[in-house]
Amino acid sequence: MTDRIPTGCAAVDDLLGGGFERGAATQVYGPPAAGKTNIVLSAAVEVAADGGSALFVDTEGLSVERMEQLAAARAAHPDTEAESVDELASRLVISAAHSFQEQEEAVQDAEELVDAVELVVLDSATGFYRLERTEGDEGETLRAVGRQLAHLVSLARQHDVAIAFTNQVFSDPEGDRSRALGGHTLDHWSGAILRVDRFRGGNRPQ
């Protein structure tokens, strides 16, 4: 068992020292359509292809077609443990959350599955936070996200699994580029932080 979960993207793995670290959480953030979901989904597929299982908490409306494309491409690789796309896909546990409350429940329920998986993905940690926050309770909603990440990091440390979560961005009026939502609250629970940007010709991790 390695101490890293490869993402399937050589450039990302090089930046992260081999992939997502076990016993810690990796934050992947960036603007819409920058490739955040592709990175964490690809990592989940890599786990399944290697004979393991992954839990994917989906708050974004995961594209089943995209998941099947990644699974089919990986299943065709000669070093894949899975004998078929269906076998590979069966090792991916998808938990769909349609509200912030369901996200809370899915994160708590991860404790029941953590002994059977090597990677837990939360995609995304802040989608519902952005929708649900109001001027009056923005701080409490953010603290709730922080508690979710604290719970996942605790599971990672106790069970030697890797955690990966995606995060959105906002425009900083005092800066010249967008910043990650949640600021220090989310950064505190991140062992590594990966920013993915859109640029002409493709996407680039940083």
N, C-alpha and C. Protein backbone atom coordinates (compact mmCIF):
# COMPACT_ATOMS: atom_id res chain seq x y z
N MET A 1 0.85 -1.20 0.00
CA MET A 1 0.00 0.00 0.00
C MET A 1 0.89 1.25 0.00
N THR A 2 0.68 2.12 -0.96
CA THR A 2 1.47 3.34 -1.03
C THR A 2 0.85 4.42 -0.16
N ASP A 3 1.64 5.48 0.13
CA ASP A 3 1.12 6.56 0.96
C ASP A 3 0.42 7.62 0.13
N ARG A 4 0.29 7.39 -1.18
CA ARG A 4 -0.35 8.34 -2.08
C ARG A 4 -1.35 7.62 -2.98
N ILE A 5 -2.42 8.34 -3.32
CA ILE A 5 -3.41 7.84 -4.26
C ILE A 5 -3.20 8.59 -5.57
N PRO A 6 -2.73 7.95 -6.64
CA PRO A 6 -2.50 8.66 -7.89
C PRO A 6 -3.80 9.17 -8.49
N THR A 7 -3.71 10.30 -9.17
CA THR A 7 -4.90 10.90 -9.78
C THR A 7 -5.11 10.44 -11.22
N GLY A 8 -4.08 9.82 -11.79
CA GLY A 8 -4.17 9.45 -13.19
C GLY A 8 -3.71 10.55 -14.12
N CYS A 9 -3.36 11.70 -13.57
CA CYS A 9 -2.84 12.83 -14.34
C CYS A 9 -1.40 13.05 -13.90
N ALA A 10 -0.46 12.80 -14.80
CA ALA A 10 0.96 12.85 -14.43
C ALA A 10 1.37 14.21 -13.90
N ALA A 11 0.87 15.28 -14.51
CA ALA A 11 1.25 16.63 -14.08
C ALA A 11 0.79 16.90 -12.65
N VAL A 12 -0.44 16.48 -12.35
CA VAL A 12 -0.98 16.67 -11.00
C VAL A 12 -0.22 15.81 -10.00
N ASP A 13 0.02 14.56 -10.36
CA ASP A 13 0.74 13.67 -9.45
C ASP A 13 2.15 14.18 -9.15
N ASP A 14 2.80 14.75 -10.15
CA ASP A 14 4.13 15.32 -9.93
C ASP A 14 4.07 16.46 -8.92
N LEU A 15 3.06 17.33 -9.05
CA LEU A 15 2.92 18.45 -8.12
C LEU A 15 2.65 17.98 -6.70
N LEU A 16 1.91 16.88 -6.57
CA LEU A 16 1.49 16.39 -5.26
C LEU A 16 2.43 15.33 -4.68
N GLY A 17 3.53 15.09 -5.35
CA GLY A 17 4.47 14.10 -4.83
C GLY A 17 4.00 12.67 -5.02
N GLY A 18 3.13 12.45 -5.99
CA GLY A 18 2.66 11.09 -6.28
C GLY A 18 1.15 10.94 -6.24
N GLY A 19 0.44 11.94 -5.75
CA GLY A 19 -1.02 11.86 -5.69
C GLY A 19 -1.57 12.38 -4.37
N PHE A 20 -2.82 12.04 -4.08
CA PHE A 20 -3.47 12.47 -2.85
C PHE A 20 -2.89 11.69 -1.66
N GLU A 21 -2.51 12.41 -0.63
CA GLU A 21 -1.85 11.80 0.52
C GLU A 21 -2.85 11.09 1.44
N ARG A 22 -2.50 9.89 1.87
CA ARG A 22 -3.30 9.20 2.88
C ARG A 22 -3.15 9.90 4.22
N GLY A 23 -4.22 9.86 5.01
CA GLY A 23 -4.17 10.48 6.33
C GLY A 23 -4.32 11.98 6.31
N ALA A 24 -4.69 12.54 5.16
CA ALA A 24 -4.80 14.00 5.04
C ALA A 24 -5.84 14.33 3.97
N ALA A 25 -6.19 15.62 3.88
CA ALA A 25 -7.14 16.09 2.88
C ALA A 25 -6.42 16.98 1.88
N THR A 26 -6.74 16.80 0.61
CA THR A 26 -6.22 17.65 -0.46
C THR A 26 -7.36 18.49 -1.02
N GLN A 27 -7.14 19.80 -1.06
CA GLN A 27 -8.14 20.72 -1.61
C GLN A 27 -7.79 21.02 -3.08
N VAL A 28 -8.79 20.86 -3.96
CA VAL A 28 -8.63 21.19 -5.37
C VAL A 28 -9.63 22.31 -5.68
N TYR A 29 -9.13 23.49 -6.00
CA TYR A 29 -10.05 24.60 -6.23
C TYR A 29 -9.74 25.32 -7.54
N GLY A 30 -10.74 26.04 -8.03
CA GLY A 30 -10.57 26.78 -9.27
C GLY A 30 -11.92 27.21 -9.81
N PRO A 31 -11.93 27.93 -10.93
CA PRO A 31 -13.17 28.42 -11.52
C PRO A 31 -13.98 27.29 -12.14
N PRO A 32 -15.24 27.56 -12.50
CA PRO A 32 -16.07 26.53 -13.14
C PRO A 32 -15.41 26.00 -14.41
N ALA A 33 -15.61 24.72 -14.66
CA ALA A 33 -15.14 24.05 -15.88
C ALA A 33 -13.62 24.04 -16.01
N ALA A 34 -12.92 24.15 -14.88
CA ALA A 34 -11.45 24.12 -14.92
C ALA A 34 -10.90 22.71 -14.84
N GLY A 35 -11.74 21.74 -14.48
CA GLY A 35 -11.29 20.35 -14.42
C GLY A 35 -11.18 19.77 -13.02
N LYS A 36 -11.77 20.46 -12.03
CA LYS A 36 -11.67 19.99 -10.64
C LYS A 36 -12.30 18.61 -10.48
N THR A 37 -13.52 18.46 -10.98
CA THR A 37 -14.21 17.18 -10.85
C THR A 37 -13.47 16.08 -11.60
N ASN A 38 -12.95 16.40 -12.77
CA ASN A 38 -12.21 15.40 -13.54
C ASN A 38 -11.03 14.85 -12.75
N ILE A 39 -10.33 15.72 -12.02
CA ILE A 39 -9.16 15.29 -11.26
C ILE A 39 -9.56 14.32 -10.14
N VAL A 40 -10.57 14.70 -9.35
CA VAL A 40 -10.94 13.84 -8.22
C VAL A 40 -11.65 12.57 -8.69
N LEU A 41 -12.43 12.68 -9.77
CA LEU A 41 -13.09 11.49 -10.31
C LEU A 41 -12.07 10.53 -10.91
N SER A 42 -11.09 11.07 -11.59
CA SER A 42 -10.03 10.24 -12.15
C SER A 42 -9.28 9.49 -11.05
N ALA A 43 -9.05 10.16 -9.92
CA ALA A 43 -8.38 9.50 -8.80
C ALA A 43 -9.23 8.35 -8.27
N ALA A 44 -10.54 8.56 -8.18
CA ALA A 44 -11.43 7.49 -7.72
C ALA A 44 -11.39 6.31 -8.67
N VAL A 45 -11.37 6.59 -9.96
CA VAL A 45 -11.29 5.52 -10.96
C VAL A 45 -9.96 4.78 -10.85
N GLU A 46 -8.87 5.51 -10.57
CA GLU A 46 -7.57 4.87 -10.39
C GLU A 46 -7.59 3.88 -9.22
N VAL A 47 -8.23 4.29 -8.13
CA VAL A 47 -8.35 3.40 -6.97
C VAL A 47 -9.08 2.11 -7.36
N ALA A 48 -10.20 2.27 -8.07
CA ALA A 48 -11.00 1.11 -8.47
C ALA A 48 -10.22 0.23 -9.45
N ALA A 49 -9.47 0.85 -10.34
CA ALA A 49 -8.70 0.09 -11.32
C ALA A 49 -7.60 -0.73 -10.65
N ASP A 50 -7.16 -0.27 -9.49
CA ASP A 50 -6.09 -0.96 -8.76
C ASP A 50 -6.65 -2.00 -7.78
N GLY A 51 -7.97 -2.21 -7.84
CA GLY A 51 -8.59 -3.23 -7.00
C GLY A 51 -9.20 -2.73 -5.72
N GLY A 52 -9.13 -1.41 -5.47
CA GLY A 52 -9.70 -0.84 -4.26
C GLY A 52 -11.07 -0.23 -4.51
N SER A 53 -11.57 0.49 -3.52
CA SER A 53 -12.87 1.15 -3.63
C SER A 53 -12.73 2.61 -3.20
N ALA A 54 -13.64 3.43 -3.70
CA ALA A 54 -13.64 4.85 -3.37
C ALA A 54 -15.07 5.32 -3.12
N LEU A 55 -15.21 6.25 -2.18
CA LEU A 55 -16.50 6.88 -1.90
C LEU A 55 -16.48 8.27 -2.50
N PHE A 56 -17.50 8.59 -3.29
CA PHE A 56 -17.58 9.87 -3.98
C PHE A 56 -18.87 10.56 -3.56
N VAL A 57 -18.76 11.59 -2.71
CA VAL A 57 -19.92 12.37 -2.30
C VAL A 57 -20.13 13.47 -3.33
N ASP A 58 -21.22 13.38 -4.06
CA ASP A 58 -21.47 14.25 -5.20
C ASP A 58 -22.53 15.30 -4.87
N THR A 59 -22.15 16.57 -4.89
CA THR A 59 -23.11 17.66 -4.69
C THR A 59 -23.29 18.47 -5.96
N GLU A 60 -22.60 18.08 -7.03
CA GLU A 60 -22.57 18.89 -8.25
C GLU A 60 -23.40 18.30 -9.39
N GLY A 61 -23.94 17.10 -9.20
CA GLY A 61 -24.65 16.46 -10.29
C GLY A 61 -23.66 15.77 -11.22
N LEU A 62 -23.00 14.75 -10.71
CA LEU A 62 -21.95 14.05 -11.44
C LEU A 62 -22.47 13.51 -12.78
N SER A 63 -21.69 13.72 -13.82
CA SER A 63 -22.03 13.21 -15.15
C SER A 63 -21.72 11.71 -15.19
N VAL A 64 -22.77 10.91 -15.28
CA VAL A 64 -22.58 9.46 -15.36
C VAL A 64 -21.82 9.11 -16.64
N GLU A 65 -22.11 9.84 -17.71
CA GLU A 65 -21.43 9.60 -18.98
C GLU A 65 -19.92 9.83 -18.83
N ARG A 66 -19.54 10.91 -18.14
CA ARG A 66 -18.12 11.18 -17.96
C ARG A 66 -17.47 10.10 -17.09
N MET A 67 -18.16 9.66 -16.06
CA MET A 67 -17.63 8.60 -15.21
C MET A 67 -17.42 7.33 -16.03
N GLU A 68 -18.38 7.00 -16.87
CA GLU A 68 -18.28 5.80 -17.69
C GLU A 68 -17.14 5.90 -18.70
N GLN A 69 -16.92 7.12 -19.23
CA GLN A 69 -15.81 7.32 -20.16
C GLN A 69 -14.47 7.06 -19.48
N LEU A 70 -14.30 7.63 -18.29
CA LEU A 70 -13.05 7.43 -17.55
C LEU A 70 -12.87 5.96 -17.17
N ALA A 71 -13.97 5.33 -16.73
CA ALA A 71 -13.90 3.93 -16.34
C ALA A 71 -13.55 3.04 -17.53
N ALA A 72 -14.16 3.32 -18.69
CA ALA A 72 -13.89 2.51 -19.88
C ALA A 72 -12.44 2.65 -20.33
N ALA A 73 -11.94 3.88 -20.29
CA ALA A 73 -10.55 4.11 -20.70
C ALA A 73 -9.58 3.40 -19.76
N ARG A 74 -9.88 3.45 -18.47
CA ARG A 74 -8.97 2.82 -17.49
C ARG A 74 -9.09 1.31 -17.51
N ALA A 75 -10.31 0.79 -17.74
CA ALA A 75 -10.51 -0.66 -17.77
C ALA A 75 -9.76 -1.30 -18.94
N ALA A 76 -9.55 -0.52 -20.00
CA ALA A 76 -8.86 -1.04 -21.17
C ALA A 76 -7.34 -1.08 -20.99
N HIS A 77 -6.84 -0.47 -19.92
CA HIS A 77 -5.40 -0.43 -19.69
C HIS A 77 -4.92 -1.80 -19.22
N PRO A 78 -3.77 -2.26 -19.70
CA PRO A 78 -3.32 -3.63 -19.36
C PRO A 78 -3.04 -3.87 -17.88
N ASP A 79 -2.74 -2.84 -17.10
CA ASP A 79 -2.43 -3.08 -15.68
C ASP A 79 -3.63 -2.92 -14.76
N THR A 80 -4.84 -2.86 -15.34
CA THR A 80 -6.05 -2.70 -14.55
C THR A 80 -6.47 -4.02 -13.92
N GLU A 81 -6.76 -3.99 -12.61
CA GLU A 81 -7.20 -5.20 -11.91
C GLU A 81 -8.60 -5.61 -12.34
N ALA A 82 -9.46 -4.63 -12.62
CA ALA A 82 -10.85 -4.93 -12.99
C ALA A 82 -10.89 -5.58 -14.37
N GLU A 83 -11.76 -6.57 -14.52
CA GLU A 83 -11.86 -7.29 -15.79
C GLU A 83 -12.87 -6.66 -16.73
N SER A 84 -13.66 -5.70 -16.23
CA SER A 84 -14.66 -5.05 -17.08
C SER A 84 -14.97 -3.67 -16.53
N VAL A 85 -15.63 -2.87 -17.37
CA VAL A 85 -16.06 -1.54 -16.93
C VAL A 85 -17.04 -1.66 -15.77
N ASP A 86 -17.95 -2.64 -15.86
CA ASP A 86 -18.94 -2.82 -14.79
C ASP A 86 -18.27 -3.17 -13.47
N GLU A 87 -17.25 -4.02 -13.52
CA GLU A 87 -16.56 -4.40 -12.29
C GLU A 87 -15.85 -3.19 -11.69
N LEU A 88 -15.22 -2.39 -12.54
CA LEU A 88 -14.54 -1.19 -12.07
C LEU A 88 -15.54 -0.22 -11.45
N ALA A 89 -16.65 0.01 -12.17
CA ALA A 89 -17.66 0.95 -11.68
C ALA A 89 -18.29 0.49 -10.37
N SER A 90 -18.36 -0.82 -10.17
CA SER A 90 -18.97 -1.34 -8.94
C SER A 90 -18.14 -1.01 -7.71
N ARG A 91 -16.89 -0.62 -7.89
CA ARG A 91 -16.03 -0.27 -6.78
C ARG A 91 -16.10 1.22 -6.44
N LEU A 92 -16.92 1.96 -7.17
CA LEU A 92 -17.12 3.38 -6.90
C LEU A 92 -18.46 3.57 -6.21
N VAL A 93 -18.44 4.01 -4.98
CA VAL A 93 -19.66 4.24 -4.22
C VAL A 93 -20.02 5.72 -4.36
N ILE A 94 -21.12 5.99 -5.06
CA ILE A 94 -21.55 7.37 -5.31
C ILE A 94 -22.66 7.73 -4.34
N SER A 95 -22.46 8.79 -3.56
CA SER A 95 -23.47 9.29 -2.62
C SER A 95 -23.89 10.67 -3.09
N ALA A 96 -25.10 10.78 -3.63
CA ALA A 96 -25.58 12.05 -4.18
C ALA A 96 -26.26 12.87 -3.09
N ALA A 97 -25.85 14.13 -2.96
CA ALA A 97 -26.46 15.06 -2.00
C ALA A 97 -27.12 16.19 -2.78
N HIS A 98 -28.38 16.47 -2.45
CA HIS A 98 -29.13 17.49 -3.18
C HIS A 98 -29.40 18.73 -2.35
N SER A 99 -28.83 18.79 -1.17
CA SER A 99 -28.99 19.96 -0.29
C SER A 99 -27.82 19.96 0.69
N PHE A 100 -27.67 21.08 1.40
CA PHE A 100 -26.59 21.17 2.38
C PHE A 100 -26.80 20.15 3.50
N GLN A 101 -28.06 19.93 3.88
CA GLN A 101 -28.36 18.95 4.92
C GLN A 101 -27.97 17.54 4.46
N GLU A 102 -28.27 17.21 3.21
CA GLU A 102 -27.89 15.90 2.69
C GLU A 102 -26.37 15.76 2.59
N GLN A 103 -25.70 16.86 2.30
CA GLN A 103 -24.23 16.84 2.30
C GLN A 103 -23.71 16.53 3.69
N GLU A 104 -24.30 17.18 4.70
CA GLU A 104 -23.92 16.91 6.09
C GLU A 104 -24.08 15.42 6.40
N GLU A 105 -25.21 14.87 6.02
CA GLU A 105 -25.50 13.47 6.33
C GLU A 105 -24.54 12.53 5.60
N ALA A 106 -24.25 12.85 4.33
CA ALA A 106 -23.35 12.00 3.55
C ALA A 106 -21.95 11.99 4.14
N VAL A 107 -21.50 13.15 4.60
CA VAL A 107 -20.17 13.23 5.22
C VAL A 107 -20.13 12.43 6.52
N GLN A 108 -21.19 12.54 7.32
CA GLN A 108 -21.24 11.76 8.56
C GLN A 108 -21.30 10.26 8.27
N ASP A 109 -22.05 9.89 7.23
CA ASP A 109 -22.20 8.48 6.89
C ASP A 109 -20.91 7.87 6.35
N ALA A 110 -19.97 8.71 5.94
CA ALA A 110 -18.70 8.19 5.43
C ALA A 110 -18.01 7.31 6.46
N GLU A 111 -18.29 7.56 7.73
CA GLU A 111 -17.67 6.78 8.80
C GLU A 111 -18.03 5.30 8.70
N GLU A 112 -19.23 5.01 8.17
CA GLU A 112 -19.68 3.63 8.06
C GLU A 112 -18.96 2.87 6.94
N LEU A 113 -18.40 3.61 5.97
CA LEU A 113 -17.79 2.98 4.81
C LEU A 113 -16.28 3.09 4.78
N VAL A 114 -15.72 3.88 5.68
CA VAL A 114 -14.32 4.25 5.55
C VAL A 114 -13.37 3.06 5.63
N ASP A 115 -13.76 2.00 6.33
CA ASP A 115 -12.88 0.83 6.41
C ASP A 115 -12.84 0.05 5.09
N ALA A 116 -13.79 0.32 4.21
CA ALA A 116 -13.87 -0.43 2.95
C ALA A 116 -13.33 0.35 1.76
N VAL A 117 -12.89 1.58 1.97
CA VAL A 117 -12.43 2.41 0.86
C VAL A 117 -11.01 2.93 1.13
N GLU A 118 -10.40 3.42 0.08
CA GLU A 118 -9.06 4.02 0.19
C GLU A 118 -9.09 5.52 -0.05
N LEU A 119 -10.16 6.00 -0.67
CA LEU A 119 -10.28 7.42 -1.01
C LEU A 119 -11.71 7.87 -0.77
N VAL A 120 -11.85 9.04 -0.13
CA VAL A 120 -13.16 9.69 0.03
C VAL A 120 -13.09 11.04 -0.66
N VAL A 121 -14.03 11.27 -1.57
CA VAL A 121 -14.08 12.52 -2.33
C VAL A 121 -15.33 13.29 -1.95
N LEU A 122 -15.20 14.61 -1.75
CA LEU A 122 -16.33 15.50 -1.55
C LEU A 122 -16.29 16.53 -2.66
N ASP A 123 -17.22 16.43 -3.60
CA ASP A 123 -17.25 17.29 -4.78
C ASP A 123 -18.64 17.93 -4.92
N SER A 124 -18.81 19.18 -4.46
CA SER A 124 -17.79 20.03 -3.88
C SER A 124 -18.16 20.34 -2.42
N ALA A 125 -17.18 20.85 -1.68
CA ALA A 125 -17.42 21.17 -0.28
C ALA A 125 -18.25 22.44 -0.13
N THR A 126 -18.22 23.32 -1.12
CA THR A 126 -18.78 24.67 -0.94
C THR A 126 -19.91 25.04 -1.89
N GLY A 127 -20.36 24.10 -2.72
CA GLY A 127 -21.44 24.43 -3.64
C GLY A 127 -22.71 24.85 -2.93
N PHE A 128 -23.13 24.07 -1.95
CA PHE A 128 -24.35 24.41 -1.20
C PHE A 128 -24.09 25.55 -0.21
N TYR A 129 -22.87 25.65 0.28
CA TYR A 129 -22.52 26.78 1.15
C TYR A 129 -22.77 28.09 0.41
N ARG A 130 -22.36 28.13 -0.83
CA ARG A 130 -22.53 29.35 -1.62
C ARG A 130 -24.02 29.65 -1.83
N LEU A 131 -24.82 28.63 -2.00
CA LEU A 131 -26.26 28.82 -2.22
C LEU A 131 -27.00 29.16 -0.93
N GLU A 132 -26.59 28.55 0.18
CA GLU A 132 -27.35 28.65 1.42
C GLU A 132 -26.94 29.82 2.30
N ARG A 133 -25.75 30.31 2.13
CA ARG A 133 -25.29 31.37 3.03
C ARG A 133 -26.13 32.63 2.85
N THR A 134 -26.37 33.30 3.93
CA THR A 134 -27.05 34.59 3.92
C THR A 134 -26.20 35.55 4.74
N GLU A 135 -26.51 36.80 4.66
CA GLU A 135 -25.71 37.78 5.38
C GLU A 135 -25.73 37.51 6.88
N GLY A 136 -26.84 36.94 7.37
CA GLY A 136 -26.96 36.72 8.80
C GLY A 136 -26.26 35.48 9.30
N ASP A 137 -26.21 34.40 8.49
CA ASP A 137 -25.65 33.15 9.01
C ASP A 137 -24.48 32.63 8.18
N GLU A 138 -23.86 33.49 7.41
CA GLU A 138 -22.75 33.06 6.57
C GLU A 138 -21.65 32.40 7.39
N GLY A 139 -21.35 32.99 8.55
CA GLY A 139 -20.29 32.43 9.39
C GLY A 139 -20.63 31.06 9.90
N GLU A 140 -21.88 30.84 10.30
CA GLU A 140 -22.28 29.54 10.83
C GLU A 140 -22.25 28.48 9.73
N THR A 141 -22.69 28.84 8.52
CA THR A 141 -22.65 27.88 7.42
C THR A 141 -21.23 27.48 7.10
N LEU A 142 -20.33 28.44 7.11
CA LEU A 142 -18.92 28.13 6.86
C LEU A 142 -18.34 27.25 7.96
N ARG A 143 -18.73 27.53 9.20
CA ARG A 143 -18.25 26.68 10.30
C ARG A 143 -18.76 25.25 10.14
N ALA A 144 -19.98 25.11 9.60
CA ALA A 144 -20.52 23.77 9.36
C ALA A 144 -19.68 23.03 8.32
N VAL A 145 -19.27 23.74 7.27
CA VAL A 145 -18.38 23.12 6.27
C VAL A 145 -17.07 22.72 6.94
N GLY A 146 -16.55 23.60 7.79
CA GLY A 146 -15.32 23.29 8.51
C GLY A 146 -15.45 22.04 9.37
N ARG A 147 -16.61 21.88 10.01
CA ARG A 147 -16.83 20.68 10.83
C ARG A 147 -16.87 19.43 9.97
N GLN A 148 -17.46 19.55 8.78
CA GLN A 148 -17.48 18.40 7.87
C GLN A 148 -16.07 17.98 7.50
N LEU A 149 -15.24 18.95 7.16
CA LEU A 149 -13.86 18.63 6.79
C LEU A 149 -13.08 18.09 7.97
N ALA A 150 -13.34 18.64 9.16
CA ALA A 150 -12.67 18.12 10.36
C ALA A 150 -13.01 16.65 10.56
N HIS A 151 -14.27 16.30 10.34
CA HIS A 151 -14.71 14.91 10.48
C HIS A 151 -13.99 14.02 9.46
N LEU A 152 -13.91 14.48 8.21
CA LEU A 152 -13.26 13.68 7.18
C LEU A 152 -11.76 13.52 7.45
N VAL A 153 -11.12 14.59 7.89
CA VAL A 153 -9.69 14.50 8.20
C VAL A 153 -9.45 13.55 9.37
N SER A 154 -10.34 13.58 10.36
CA SER A 154 -10.23 12.65 11.48
C SER A 154 -10.33 11.21 11.00
N LEU A 155 -11.26 10.94 10.08
CA LEU A 155 -11.39 9.60 9.52
C LEU A 155 -10.13 9.22 8.74
N ALA A 156 -9.60 10.18 8.00
CA ALA A 156 -8.39 9.92 7.21
C ALA A 156 -7.24 9.50 8.10
N ARG A 157 -7.09 10.19 9.22
CA ARG A 157 -5.97 9.90 10.12
C ARG A 157 -6.16 8.56 10.84
N GLN A 158 -7.40 8.27 11.20
CA GLN A 158 -7.66 7.04 11.95
C GLN A 158 -7.60 5.80 11.07
N HIS A 159 -7.98 5.95 9.79
CA HIS A 159 -8.13 4.79 8.92
C HIS A 159 -7.14 4.78 7.74
N ASP A 160 -6.26 5.75 7.70
CA ASP A 160 -5.21 5.81 6.67
C ASP A 160 -5.79 5.85 5.26
N VAL A 161 -6.82 6.66 5.08
CA VAL A 161 -7.38 6.87 3.75
C VAL A 161 -7.04 8.28 3.30
N ALA A 162 -7.22 8.53 2.02
CA ALA A 162 -6.99 9.87 1.48
C ALA A 162 -8.33 10.58 1.32
N ILE A 163 -8.34 11.88 1.58
CA ILE A 163 -9.51 12.72 1.38
C ILE A 163 -9.18 13.73 0.29
N ALA A 164 -10.10 13.93 -0.64
CA ALA A 164 -9.95 14.99 -1.64
C ALA A 164 -11.27 15.74 -1.73
N PHE A 165 -11.20 17.06 -1.69
CA PHE A 165 -12.43 17.84 -1.86
C PHE A 165 -12.19 18.99 -2.82
N THR A 166 -13.24 19.32 -3.56
CA THR A 166 -13.15 20.45 -4.49
C THR A 166 -13.77 21.68 -3.85
N ASN A 167 -13.34 22.82 -4.32
CA ASN A 167 -13.79 24.09 -3.77
C ASN A 167 -13.94 25.09 -4.91
N GLN A 168 -14.85 26.03 -4.72
CA GLN A 168 -15.11 27.05 -5.72
C GLN A 168 -14.32 28.32 -5.40
N VAL A 169 -14.47 29.32 -6.26
CA VAL A 169 -13.71 30.56 -6.09
C VAL A 169 -14.66 31.76 -6.10
N PHE A 170 -14.14 32.87 -5.62
CA PHE A 170 -14.87 34.14 -5.70
C PHE A 170 -13.89 35.22 -6.11
N SER A 171 -14.41 36.31 -6.66
CA SER A 171 -13.56 37.42 -7.09
C SER A 171 -13.20 38.28 -5.89
N ASP A 172 -11.93 38.46 -5.67
CA ASP A 172 -11.43 39.27 -4.57
C ASP A 172 -11.32 40.72 -5.03
N PRO A 173 -12.16 41.63 -4.49
CA PRO A 173 -12.11 43.03 -4.94
C PRO A 173 -10.79 43.71 -4.62
N GLU A 174 -10.03 43.14 -3.68
CA GLU A 174 -8.76 43.76 -3.30
C GLU A 174 -7.56 43.11 -3.98
N GLY A 175 -7.82 42.09 -4.78
CA GLY A 175 -6.74 41.40 -5.47
C GLY A 175 -6.97 41.36 -6.96
N ASP A 176 -6.02 40.79 -7.67
CA ASP A 176 -6.12 40.74 -9.13
C ASP A 176 -6.50 39.35 -9.64
N ARG A 177 -6.88 38.45 -8.73
CA ARG A 177 -7.30 37.13 -9.16
C ARG A 177 -8.32 36.58 -8.17
N SER A 178 -9.03 35.56 -8.60
CA SER A 178 -10.03 34.96 -7.73
C SER A 178 -9.36 34.18 -6.61
N ARG A 179 -10.12 33.99 -5.52
CA ARG A 179 -9.60 33.27 -4.36
C ARG A 179 -10.55 32.13 -4.00
N ALA A 180 -10.04 31.17 -3.25
CA ALA A 180 -10.85 30.03 -2.85
C ALA A 180 -11.90 30.44 -1.83
N LEU A 181 -13.11 29.91 -1.98
CA LEU A 181 -14.15 30.14 -0.98
C LEU A 181 -13.72 29.53 0.36
N GLY A 182 -14.17 30.15 1.42
CA GLY A 182 -13.92 29.58 2.74
C GLY A 182 -12.62 29.99 3.38
N GLY A 183 -11.69 30.49 2.57
CA GLY A 183 -10.44 31.03 3.10
C GLY A 183 -9.73 30.12 4.09
N HIS A 184 -9.33 30.70 5.22
CA HIS A 184 -8.52 29.98 6.21
C HIS A 184 -9.26 28.79 6.82
N THR A 185 -10.60 28.86 6.86
CA THR A 185 -11.36 27.75 7.45
C THR A 185 -11.10 26.46 6.69
N LEU A 186 -11.17 26.52 5.36
CA LEU A 186 -10.93 25.32 4.55
C LEU A 186 -9.44 25.01 4.43
N ASP A 187 -8.63 26.06 4.35
CA ASP A 187 -7.18 25.84 4.24
C ASP A 187 -6.64 25.10 5.47
N HIS A 188 -7.23 25.39 6.63
CA HIS A 188 -6.74 24.78 7.87
C HIS A 188 -6.79 23.26 7.82
N TRP A 189 -7.80 22.73 7.13
CA TRP A 189 -7.97 21.28 7.10
C TRP A 189 -7.34 20.65 5.85
N SER A 190 -6.61 21.44 5.08
CA SER A 190 -6.02 20.96 3.83
C SER A 190 -4.54 20.66 4.01
N GLY A 191 -4.16 19.41 3.80
CA GLY A 191 -2.75 19.07 3.83
C GLY A 191 -2.02 19.58 2.61
N ALA A 192 -2.73 19.65 1.49
CA ALA A 192 -2.19 20.20 0.25
C ALA A 192 -3.32 20.94 -0.46
N ILE A 193 -2.96 21.99 -1.18
CA ILE A 193 -3.94 22.80 -1.89
C ILE A 193 -3.51 22.92 -3.35
N LEU A 194 -4.39 22.53 -4.25
CA LEU A 194 -4.11 22.54 -5.68
C LEU A 194 -5.08 23.49 -6.37
N ARG A 195 -4.55 24.50 -7.02
CA ARG A 195 -5.38 25.42 -7.79
C ARG A 195 -5.35 25.00 -9.25
N VAL A 196 -6.53 24.92 -9.88
CA VAL A 196 -6.64 24.58 -11.29
C VAL A 196 -7.22 25.78 -12.01
N ASP A 197 -6.52 26.26 -13.02
CA ASP A 197 -6.96 27.43 -13.78
C ASP A 197 -7.34 27.05 -15.20
N ARG A 198 -8.25 27.79 -15.76
CA ARG A 198 -8.56 27.68 -17.19
C ARG A 198 -7.61 28.61 -17.94
N PHE A 199 -7.13 28.14 -19.06
CA PHE A 199 -6.37 29.03 -19.94
C PHE A 199 -6.56 28.55 -21.36
N ARG A 200 -6.28 29.38 -22.30
CA ARG A 200 -6.50 29.04 -23.70
C ARG A 200 -5.65 27.84 -24.08
N GLY A 201 -6.32 26.81 -24.54
CA GLY A 201 -5.61 25.61 -24.93
C GLY A 201 -5.73 24.47 -23.94
N GLY A 202 -6.36 24.71 -22.78
CA GLY A 202 -6.53 23.63 -21.81
C GLY A 202 -6.55 24.13 -20.40
N ASN A 203 -6.36 23.21 -19.45
CA ASN A 203 -6.37 23.54 -18.03
C ASN A 203 -4.99 23.29 -17.44
N ARG A 204 -4.66 24.06 -16.43
CA ARG A 204 -3.32 23.96 -15.85
C ARG A 204 -3.40 23.93 -14.33
N PRO A 205 -2.88 22.86 -13.69
CA PRO A 205 -2.83 22.82 -12.23
C PRO A 205 -1.66 23.64 -11.72
N GLN A 206 -1.80 24.17 -10.48
CA GLN A 206 -0.72 24.96 -9.89
C GLN A 206 -0.51 24.54 -8.44
